[in-house]
Amino acid sequence: MLSIRLTRRGTHRRPFYRIVVAEKRAKRDGRFIEILGYRNPLTDPEELVIKLDRVDYWLKCGAQPSDTVRALIARARRAAAAANPEAAVSKT
């Protein structure tokens, strides 16, 4: 089973997270299939970049997002809708 989850990068006390698709049984920072985006919580404001089209693809393939990633995807969708309101209206 596939999961969409965070993997930790960066140095001691300077975390940086990647959003990846990985096998559920793989280690947290181990093998992954694809990088879907990243999150840098240390910048002000927090930097969050997610490829929403690839997220949709992997969700259709049956990948299950972790709780944290589910919240990050929702936040990225709201930001994308606010940045381009015409695309959000025409999509529905």
PDB file of N, CA and C in Angstrom:
ATOM      1  N   MET A   1       0.840  -1.179   0.000  1.00  0.00           N
ATOM      2  CA  MET A   1       0.000   0.000   0.000  1.00  0.00           C
ATOM      3  C   MET A   1       0.887   1.245   0.000  1.00  0.00           C
ATOM      4  N   LEU A   2       0.460   2.250  -0.748  1.00  0.00           N
ATOM      5  CA  LEU A   2       1.218   3.495  -0.866  1.00  0.00           C
ATOM      6  C   LEU A   2       0.695   4.532   0.115  1.00  0.00           C
ATOM      7  N   SER A   3       1.595   5.390   0.581  1.00  0.00           N
ATOM      8  CA  SER A   3       1.189   6.501   1.431  1.00  0.00           C
ATOM      9  C   SER A   3       1.886   7.772   0.969  1.00  0.00           C
ATOM     10  N   ILE A   4       1.222   8.882   1.186  1.00  0.00           N
ATOM     11  CA  ILE A   4       1.802  10.201   0.930  1.00  0.00           C
ATOM     12  C   ILE A   4       2.133  10.749   2.309  1.00  0.00           C
ATOM     13  N   ARG A   5       3.408  11.011   2.553  1.00  0.00           N
ATOM     14  CA  ARG A   5       3.825  11.409   3.889  1.00  0.00           C
ATOM     15  C   ARG A   5       5.031  12.334   3.838  1.00  0.00           C
ATOM     16  N   LEU A   6       5.415  12.822   5.010  1.00  0.00           N
ATOM     17  CA  LEU A   6       6.561  13.706   5.139  1.00  0.00           C
ATOM     18  C   LEU A   6       7.818  12.899   5.401  1.00  0.00           C
ATOM     19  N   THR A   7       8.921  13.356   4.858  1.00  0.00           N
ATOM     20  CA  THR A   7      10.223  12.810   5.196  1.00  0.00           C
ATOM     21  C   THR A   7      11.079  13.991   5.640  1.00  0.00           C
ATOM     22  N   ARG A   8      11.848  13.802   6.695  1.00  0.00           N
ATOM     23  CA  ARG A   8      12.600  14.909   7.295  1.00  0.00           C
ATOM     24  C   ARG A   8      13.965  15.036   6.652  1.00  0.00           C
ATOM     25  N   ARG A   9      14.302  16.252   6.288  1.00  0.00           N
ATOM     26  CA  ARG A   9      15.623  16.579   5.756  1.00  0.00           C
ATOM     27  C   ARG A   9      16.168  17.716   6.600  1.00  0.00           C
ATOM     28  N   GLY A  10      17.332  18.214   6.256  1.00  0.00           N
ATOM     29  CA  GLY A  10      17.901  19.330   6.987  1.00  0.00           C
ATOM     30  C   GLY A  10      18.871  18.861   8.051  1.00  0.00           C
ATOM     31  N   THR A  11      19.343  19.786   8.847  1.00  0.00           N
ATOM     32  CA  THR A  11      20.325  19.475   9.873  1.00  0.00           C
ATOM     33  C   THR A  11      19.690  19.517  11.258  1.00  0.00           C
ATOM     34  N   HIS A  12      20.502  19.314  12.248  1.00  0.00           N
ATOM     35  CA  HIS A  12      20.049  19.335  13.639  1.00  0.00           C
ATOM     36  C   HIS A  12      19.413  20.683  13.964  1.00  0.00           C
ATOM     37  N   ARG A  13      18.173  20.666  14.435  1.00  0.00           N
ATOM     38  CA  ARG A  13      17.389  21.848  14.780  1.00  0.00           C
ATOM     39  C   ARG A  13      17.075  22.771  13.605  1.00  0.00           C
ATOM     40  N   ARG A  14      17.254  22.301  12.398  1.00  0.00           N
ATOM     41  CA  ARG A  14      16.912  23.063  11.190  1.00  0.00           C
ATOM     42  C   ARG A  14      16.105  22.155  10.250  1.00  0.00           C
ATOM     43  N   PRO A  15      14.905  21.738  10.656  1.00  0.00           N
ATOM     44  CA  PRO A  15      14.160  20.757   9.857  1.00  0.00           C
ATOM     45  C   PRO A  15      13.634  21.341   8.554  1.00  0.00           C
ATOM     46  N   PHE A  16      13.560  20.463   7.577  1.00  0.00           N
ATOM     47  CA  PHE A  16      13.031  20.763   6.256  1.00  0.00           C
ATOM     48  C   PHE A  16      12.334  19.471   5.833  1.00  0.00           C
ATOM     49  N   TYR A  17      11.123  19.551   5.350  1.00  0.00           N
ATOM     50  CA  TYR A  17      10.360  18.340   5.059  1.00  0.00           C
ATOM     51  C   TYR A  17      10.038  18.238   3.577  1.00  0.00           C
ATOM     52  N   ARG A  18      10.130  17.023   3.064  1.00  0.00           N
ATOM     53  CA  ARG A  18       9.669  16.718   1.716  1.00  0.00           C
ATOM     54  C   ARG A  18       8.354  15.958   1.829  1.00  0.00           C
ATOM     55  N   ILE A  19       7.479  16.195   0.879  1.00  0.00           N
ATOM     56  CA  ILE A  19       6.237  15.432   0.784  1.00  0.00           C
ATOM     57  C   ILE A  19       6.473  14.407  -0.311  1.00  0.00           C
ATOM     58  N   VAL A  20       6.408  13.129   0.054  1.00  0.00           N
ATOM     59  CA  VAL A  20       6.761  12.063  -0.871  1.00  0.00           C
ATOM     60  C   VAL A  20       5.680  10.987  -0.913  1.00  0.00           C
ATOM     61  N   VAL A  21       5.715  10.213  -1.987  1.00  0.00           N
ATOM     62  CA  VAL A  21       4.916   8.992  -2.096  1.00  0.00           C
ATOM     63  C   VAL A  21       5.866   7.845  -1.809  1.00  0.00           C
ATOM     64  N   ALA A  22       5.501   6.999  -0.848  1.00  0.00           N
ATOM     65  CA  ALA A  22       6.368   5.899  -0.463  1.00  0.00           C
ATOM     66  C   ALA A  22       5.513   4.681  -0.120  1.00  0.00           C
ATOM     67  N   GLU A  23       6.151   3.534  -0.146  1.00  0.00           N
ATOM     68  CA  GLU A  23       5.501   2.312   0.328  1.00  0.00           C
ATOM     69  C   GLU A  23       5.252   2.468   1.828  1.00  0.00           C
ATOM     70  N   LYS A  24       4.123   2.019   2.305  1.00  0.00           N
ATOM     71  CA  LYS A  24       3.751   2.192   3.705  1.00  0.00           C
ATOM     72  C   LYS A  24       4.782   1.602   4.662  1.00  0.00           C
ATOM     73  N   ARG A  25       5.419   0.508   4.261  1.00  0.00           N
ATOM     74  CA  ARG A  25       6.360  -0.179   5.148  1.00  0.00           C
ATOM     75  C   ARG A  25       7.775   0.391   5.090  1.00  0.00           C
ATOM     76  N   ALA A  26       8.036   1.324   4.176  1.00  0.00           N
ATOM     77  CA  ALA A  26       9.368   1.910   4.059  1.00  0.00           C
ATOM     78  C   ALA A  26       9.665   2.793   5.272  1.00  0.00           C
ATOM     79  N   LYS A  27      10.944   2.962   5.571  1.00  0.00           N
ATOM     80  CA  LYS A  27      11.350   3.815   6.681  1.00  0.00           C
ATOM     81  C   LYS A  27      10.962   5.258   6.404  1.00  0.00           C
ATOM     82  N   ARG A  28      10.883   6.047   7.465  1.00  0.00           N
ATOM     83  CA  ARG A  28      10.462   7.441   7.321  1.00  0.00           C
ATOM     84  C   ARG A  28      11.333   8.211   6.325  1.00  0.00           C
ATOM     85  N   ASP A  29      12.630   8.063   6.448  1.00  0.00           N
ATOM     86  CA  ASP A  29      13.554   8.756   5.553  1.00  0.00           C
ATOM     87  C   ASP A  29      14.155   7.815   4.522  1.00  0.00           C
ATOM     88  N   GLY A  30      13.493   6.694   4.286  1.00  0.00           N
ATOM     89  CA  GLY A  30      14.019   5.691   3.375  1.00  0.00           C
ATOM     90  C   GLY A  30      13.568   5.883   1.948  1.00  0.00           C
ATOM     91  N   ARG A  31      13.424   4.776   1.254  1.00  0.00           N
ATOM     92  CA  ARG A  31      13.087   4.775  -0.162  1.00  0.00           C
ATOM     93  C   ARG A  31      11.715   5.388  -0.411  1.00  0.00           C
ATOM     94  N   PHE A  32      11.616   6.174  -1.469  1.00  0.00           N
ATOM     95  CA  PHE A  32      10.348   6.763  -1.868  1.00  0.00           C
ATOM     96  C   PHE A  32      10.206   6.647  -3.377  1.00  0.00           C
ATOM     97  N   ILE A  33       8.993   6.884  -3.876  1.00  0.00           N
ATOM     98  CA  ILE A  33       8.704   6.749  -5.294  1.00  0.00           C
ATOM     99  C   ILE A  33       8.814   8.093  -6.010  1.00  0.00           C
ATOM    100  N   GLU A  34       8.229   9.138  -5.423  1.00  0.00           N
ATOM    101  CA  GLU A  34       8.227  10.449  -6.066  1.00  0.00           C
ATOM    102  C   GLU A  34       8.137  11.548  -5.024  1.00  0.00           C
ATOM    103  N   ILE A  35       8.819  12.664  -5.287  1.00  0.00           N
ATOM    104  CA  ILE A  35       8.713  13.846  -4.443  1.00  0.00           C
ATOM    105  C   ILE A  35       7.571  14.709  -4.989  1.00  0.00           C
ATOM    106  N   LEU A  36       6.613  15.027  -4.121  1.00  0.00           N
ATOM    107  CA  LEU A  36       5.456  15.810  -4.536  1.00  0.00           C
ATOM    108  C   LEU A  36       5.557  17.273  -4.119  1.00  0.00           C
ATOM    109  N   GLY A  37       6.463  17.587  -3.226  1.00  0.00           N
ATOM    110  CA  GLY A  37       6.591  18.967  -2.782  1.00  0.00           C
ATOM    111  C   GLY A  37       7.484  19.048  -1.564  1.00  0.00           C
ATOM    112  N   TYR A  38       7.465  20.214  -0.912  1.00  0.00           N
ATOM    113  CA  TYR A  38       8.267  20.395   0.287  1.00  0.00           C
ATOM    114  C   TYR A  38       7.617  21.414   1.207  1.00  0.00           C
ATOM    115  N   ARG A  39       8.092  21.423   2.444  1.00  0.00           N
ATOM    116  CA  ARG A  39       7.602  22.336   3.471  1.00  0.00           C
ATOM    117  C   ARG A  39       8.799  22.821   4.275  1.00  0.00           C
ATOM    118  N   ASN A  40       8.927  24.129   4.409  1.00  0.00           N
ATOM    119  CA  ASN A  40       9.994  24.704   5.217  1.00  0.00           C
ATOM    120  C   ASN A  40       9.341  25.512   6.338  1.00  0.00           C
ATOM    121  N   PRO A  41       9.252  24.936   7.545  1.00  0.00           N
ATOM    122  CA  PRO A  41       8.556  25.628   8.634  1.00  0.00           C
ATOM    123  C   PRO A  41       9.368  26.755   9.260  1.00  0.00           C
ATOM    124  N   LEU A  42      10.629  26.907   8.899  1.00  0.00           N
ATOM    125  CA  LEU A  42      11.481  27.904   9.538  1.00  0.00           C
ATOM    126  C   LEU A  42      11.413  29.278   8.896  1.00  0.00           C
ATOM    127  N   THR A  43      10.896  29.373   7.690  1.00  0.00           N
ATOM    128  CA  THR A  43      10.773  30.674   7.052  1.00  0.00           C
ATOM    129  C   THR A  43       9.543  31.395   7.591  1.00  0.00           C
ATOM    130  N   ASP A  44       9.510  32.695   7.428  1.00  0.00           N
ATOM    131  CA  ASP A  44       8.358  33.464   7.882  1.00  0.00           C
ATOM    132  C   ASP A  44       7.818  34.260   6.700  1.00  0.00           C
ATOM    133  N   PRO A  45       6.682  33.930   6.131  1.00  0.00           N
ATOM    134  CA  PRO A  45       5.779  32.844   6.497  1.00  0.00           C
ATOM    135  C   PRO A  45       6.300  31.486   6.037  1.00  0.00           C
ATOM    136  N   GLU A  46       5.712  30.458   6.594  1.00  0.00           N
ATOM    137  CA  GLU A  46       6.121  29.091   6.262  1.00  0.00           C
ATOM    138  C   GLU A  46       6.004  28.848   4.756  1.00  0.00           C
ATOM    139  N   GLU A  47       7.010  28.194   4.194  1.00  0.00           N
ATOM    140  CA  GLU A  47       7.023  27.913   2.764  1.00  0.00           C
ATOM    141  C   GLU A  47       6.428  26.524   2.518  1.00  0.00           C
ATOM    142  N   LEU A  48       5.432  26.455   1.656  1.00  0.00           N
ATOM    143  CA  LEU A  48       4.768  25.195   1.328  1.00  0.00           C
ATOM    144  C   LEU A  48       4.553  25.138  -0.172  1.00  0.00           C
ATOM    145  N   VAL A  49       5.138  24.137  -0.827  1.00  0.00           N
ATOM    146  CA  VAL A  49       4.996  23.947  -2.269  1.00  0.00           C
ATOM    147  C   VAL A  49       4.569  22.504  -2.501  1.00  0.00           C
ATOM    148  N   ILE A  50       3.421  22.330  -3.159  1.00  0.00           N
ATOM    149  CA  ILE A  50       2.908  20.988  -3.442  1.00  0.00           C
ATOM    150  C   ILE A  50       2.427  20.951  -4.891  1.00  0.00           C
ATOM    151  N   LYS A  51       2.801  19.894  -5.614  1.00  0.00           N
ATOM    152  CA  LYS A  51       2.304  19.674  -6.981  1.00  0.00           C
ATOM    153  C   LYS A  51       0.939  19.000  -6.859  1.00  0.00           C
ATOM    154  N   LEU A  52      -0.119  19.803  -6.892  1.00  0.00           N
ATOM    155  CA  LEU A  52      -1.464  19.281  -6.654  1.00  0.00           C
ATOM    156  C   LEU A  52      -1.925  18.319  -7.744  1.00  0.00           C
ATOM    157  N   ASP A  53      -1.478  18.509  -8.986  1.00  0.00           N
ATOM    158  CA  ASP A  53      -1.868  17.581 -10.048  1.00  0.00           C
ATOM    159  C   ASP A  53      -1.286  16.195  -9.788  1.00  0.00           C
ATOM    160  N   ARG A  54      -0.059  16.114  -9.290  1.00  0.00           N
ATOM    161  CA  ARG A  54       0.548  14.814  -8.978  1.00  0.00           C
ATOM    162  C   ARG A  54      -0.091  14.198  -7.732  1.00  0.00           C
ATOM    163  N   VAL A  55      -0.476  15.039  -6.772  1.00  0.00           N
ATOM    164  CA  VAL A  55      -1.177  14.533  -5.586  1.00  0.00           C
ATOM    165  C   VAL A  55      -2.485  13.880  -6.017  1.00  0.00           C
ATOM    166  N   ASP A  56      -3.226  14.553  -6.906  1.00  0.00           N
ATOM    167  CA  ASP A  56      -4.487  13.986  -7.395  1.00  0.00           C
ATOM    168  C   ASP A  56      -4.258  12.655  -8.103  1.00  0.00           C
ATOM    169  N   TYR A  57      -3.192  12.575  -8.890  1.00  0.00           N
ATOM    170  CA  TYR A  57      -2.871  11.326  -9.583  1.00  0.00           C
ATOM    171  C   TYR A  57      -2.650  10.193  -8.584  1.00  0.00           C
ATOM    172  N   TRP A  58      -1.831  10.448  -7.566  1.00  0.00           N
ATOM    173  CA  TRP A  58      -1.508   9.391  -6.600  1.00  0.00           C
ATOM    174  C   TRP A  58      -2.708   9.031  -5.731  1.00  0.00           C
ATOM    175  N   LEU A  59      -3.561  10.005  -5.437  1.00  0.00           N
ATOM    176  CA  LEU A  59      -4.777   9.684  -4.686  1.00  0.00           C
ATOM    177  C   LEU A  59      -5.691   8.786  -5.505  1.00  0.00           C
ATOM    178  N   LYS A  60      -5.765   9.025  -6.823  1.00  0.00           N
ATOM    179  CA  LYS A  60      -6.561   8.162  -7.700  1.00  0.00           C
ATOM    180  C   LYS A  60      -5.976   6.755  -7.791  1.00  0.00           C
ATOM    181  N   CYS A  61      -4.656   6.663  -7.632  1.00  0.00           N
ATOM    182  CA  CYS A  61      -3.991   5.356  -7.668  1.00  0.00           C
ATOM    183  C   CYS A  61      -4.137   4.601  -6.349  1.00  0.00           C
ATOM    184  N   GLY A  62      -4.716   5.242  -5.334  1.00  0.00           N
ATOM    185  CA  GLY A  62      -4.964   4.562  -4.076  1.00  0.00           C
ATOM    186  C   GLY A  62      -4.024   4.921  -2.948  1.00  0.00           C
ATOM    187  N   ALA A  63      -3.160   5.899  -3.121  1.00  0.00           N
ATOM    188  CA  ALA A  63      -2.252   6.305  -2.046  1.00  0.00           C
ATOM    189  C   ALA A  63      -3.049   6.990  -0.937  1.00  0.00           C
ATOM    190  N   GLN A  64      -2.682   6.718   0.301  1.00  0.00           N
ATOM    191  CA  GLN A  64      -3.356   7.289   1.460  1.00  0.00           C
ATOM    192  C   GLN A  64      -2.474   8.351   2.102  1.00  0.00           C
ATOM    193  N   PRO A  65      -2.927   9.615   2.200  1.00  0.00           N
ATOM    194  CA  PRO A  65      -2.107  10.644   2.839  1.00  0.00           C
ATOM    195  C   PRO A  65      -2.134  10.501   4.362  1.00  0.00           C
ATOM    196  N   SER A  66      -1.024  10.870   5.000  1.00  0.00           N
ATOM    197  CA  SER A  66      -1.005  10.904   6.458  1.00  0.00           C
ATOM    198  C   SER A  66      -1.870  12.075   6.912  1.00  0.00           C
ATOM    199  N   ASP A  67      -2.186  12.134   8.198  1.00  0.00           N
ATOM    200  CA  ASP A  67      -3.041  13.203   8.708  1.00  0.00           C
ATOM    201  C   ASP A  67      -2.414  14.576   8.472  1.00  0.00           C
ATOM    202  N   THR A  68      -1.119  14.689   8.719  1.00  0.00           N
ATOM    203  CA  THR A  68      -0.425  15.962   8.527  1.00  0.00           C
ATOM    204  C   THR A  68      -0.433  16.370   7.066  1.00  0.00           C
ATOM    205  N   VAL A  69      -0.148  15.437   6.182  1.00  0.00           N
ATOM    206  CA  VAL A  69      -0.118  15.747   4.756  1.00  0.00           C
ATOM    207  C   VAL A  69      -1.517  16.082   4.249  1.00  0.00           C
ATOM    208  N   ARG A  70      -2.529  15.434   4.776  1.00  0.00           N
ATOM    209  CA  ARG A  70      -3.907  15.752   4.386  1.00  0.00           C
ATOM    210  C   ARG A  70      -4.215  17.223   4.700  1.00  0.00           C
ATOM    211  N   ALA A  71      -3.787  17.693   5.869  1.00  0.00           N
ATOM    212  CA  ALA A  71      -4.002  19.090   6.249  1.00  0.00           C
ATOM    213  C   ALA A  71      -3.189  20.029   5.364  1.00  0.00           C
ATOM    214  N   LEU A  72      -1.959  19.652   5.025  1.00  0.00           N
ATOM    215  CA  LEU A  72      -1.123  20.486   4.165  1.00  0.00           C
ATOM    216  C   LEU A  72      -1.699  20.585   2.752  1.00  0.00           C
ATOM    217  N   ILE A  73      -2.242  19.483   2.239  1.00  0.00           N
ATOM    218  CA  ILE A  73      -2.858  19.491   0.909  1.00  0.00           C
ATOM    219  C   ILE A  73      -4.073  20.415   0.911  1.00  0.00           C
ATOM    220  N   ALA A  74      -4.883  20.350   1.962  1.00  0.00           N
ATOM    221  CA  ALA A  74      -6.049  21.225   2.049  1.00  0.00           C
ATOM    222  C   ALA A  74      -5.626  22.688   2.092  1.00  0.00           C
ATOM    223  N   ARG A  75      -4.557  22.984   2.828  1.00  0.00           N
ATOM    224  CA  ARG A  75      -4.059  24.360   2.901  1.00  0.00           C
ATOM    225  C   ARG A  75      -3.539  24.825   1.538  1.00  0.00           C
ATOM    226  N   ALA A  76      -2.849  23.940   0.819  1.00  0.00           N
ATOM    227  CA  ALA A  76      -2.327  24.292  -0.507  1.00  0.00           C
ATOM    228  C   ALA A  76      -3.472  24.508  -1.498  1.00  0.00           C
ATOM    229  N   ARG A  77      -4.530  23.706  -1.404  1.00  0.00           N
ATOM    230  CA  ARG A  77      -5.686  23.885  -2.297  1.00  0.00           C
ATOM    231  C   ARG A  77      -6.376  25.224  -2.030  1.00  0.00           C
ATOM    232  N   ARG A  78      -6.512  25.590  -0.747  1.00  0.00           N
ATOM    233  CA  ARG A  78      -7.125  26.887  -0.420  1.00  0.00           C
ATOM    234  C   ARG A  78      -6.268  28.037  -0.952  1.00  0.00           C
ATOM    235  N   ALA A  79      -4.953  27.923  -0.823  1.00  0.00           N
ATOM    236  CA  ALA A  79      -4.058  28.979  -1.313  1.00  0.00           C
ATOM    237  C   ALA A  79      -4.123  29.078  -2.828  1.00  0.00           C
ATOM    238  N   ALA A  80      -4.202  27.935  -3.514  1.00  0.00           N
ATOM    239  CA  ALA A  80      -4.293  27.945  -4.972  1.00  0.00           C
ATOM    240  C   ALA A  80      -5.625  28.540  -5.424  1.00  0.00           C
ATOM    241  N   ALA A  81      -6.694  28.246  -4.716  1.00  0.00           N
ATOM    242  CA  ALA A  81      -8.008  28.796  -5.063  1.00  0.00           C
ATOM    243  C   ALA A  81      -8.044  30.296  -4.822  1.00  0.00           C
ATOM    244  N   ALA A  82      -7.379  30.763  -3.767  1.00  0.00           N
ATOM    245  CA  ALA A  82      -7.353  32.196  -3.470  1.00  0.00           C
ATOM    246  C   ALA A  82      -6.496  32.942  -4.501  1.00  0.00           C
ATOM    247  N   ALA A  83      -5.440  32.299  -4.981  1.00  0.00           N
ATOM    248  CA  ALA A  83      -4.552  32.947  -5.946  1.00  0.00           C
ATOM    249  C   ALA A  83      -5.193  33.012  -7.330  1.00  0.00           C
ATOM    250  N   ASN A  84      -6.018  32.012  -7.663  1.00  0.00           N
ATOM    251  CA  ASN A  84      -6.631  31.966  -8.987  1.00  0.00           C
ATOM    252  C   ASN A  84      -8.093  31.543  -8.847  1.00  0.00           C
ATOM    253  N   PRO A  85      -8.980  32.466  -8.469  1.00  0.00           N
ATOM    254  CA  PRO A  85     -10.381  32.093  -8.209  1.00  0.00           C
ATOM    255  C   PRO A  85     -11.140  31.606  -9.438  1.00  0.00           C
ATOM    256  N   GLU A  86     -10.758  32.044 -10.648  1.00  0.00           N
ATOM    257  CA  GLU A  86     -11.464  31.592 -11.857  1.00  0.00           C
ATOM    258  C   GLU A  86     -11.240  30.101 -12.106  1.00  0.00           C
ATOM    259  N   ALA A  87     -10.039  29.601 -11.840  1.00  0.00           N
ATOM    260  CA  ALA A  87      -9.750  28.184 -12.061  1.00  0.00           C
ATOM    261  C   ALA A  87     -10.530  27.319 -11.077  1.00  0.00           C
ATOM    262  N   ALA A  88     -10.711  27.789  -9.851  1.00  0.00           N
ATOM    263  CA  ALA A  88     -11.447  27.012  -8.861  1.00  0.00           C
ATOM    264  C   ALA A  88     -12.927  26.927  -9.224  1.00  0.00           C
ATOM    265  N   VAL A  89     -13.485  27.991  -9.796  1.00  0.00           N
ATOM    266  CA  VAL A  89     -14.896  28.003 -10.178  1.00  0.00           C
ATOM    267  C   VAL A  89     -15.123  27.126 -11.389  1.00  0.00           C
ATOM    268  N   SER A  90     -14.249  27.190 -12.386  1.00  0.00           N
ATOM    269  CA  SER A  90     -14.439  26.418 -13.617  1.00  0.00           C
ATOM    270  C   SER A  90     -14.170  24.938 -13.407  1.00  0.00           C
ATOM    271  N   LYS A  91     -13.449  24.573 -12.367  1.00  0.00           N
ATOM    272  CA  LYS A  91     -13.127  23.157 -12.116  1.00  0.00           C
ATOM    273  C   LYS A  91     -14.357  22.398 -11.627  1.00  0.00           C
ATOM    274  N   THR A  92     -15.259  23.055 -10.920  1.00  0.00           N
ATOM    275  CA  THR A  92     -16.441  22.373 -10.356  1.00  0.00           C
ATOM    276  C   THR A  92     -17.563  22.260 -11.335  1.00  0.00           C
TER     277      THR A  92
END
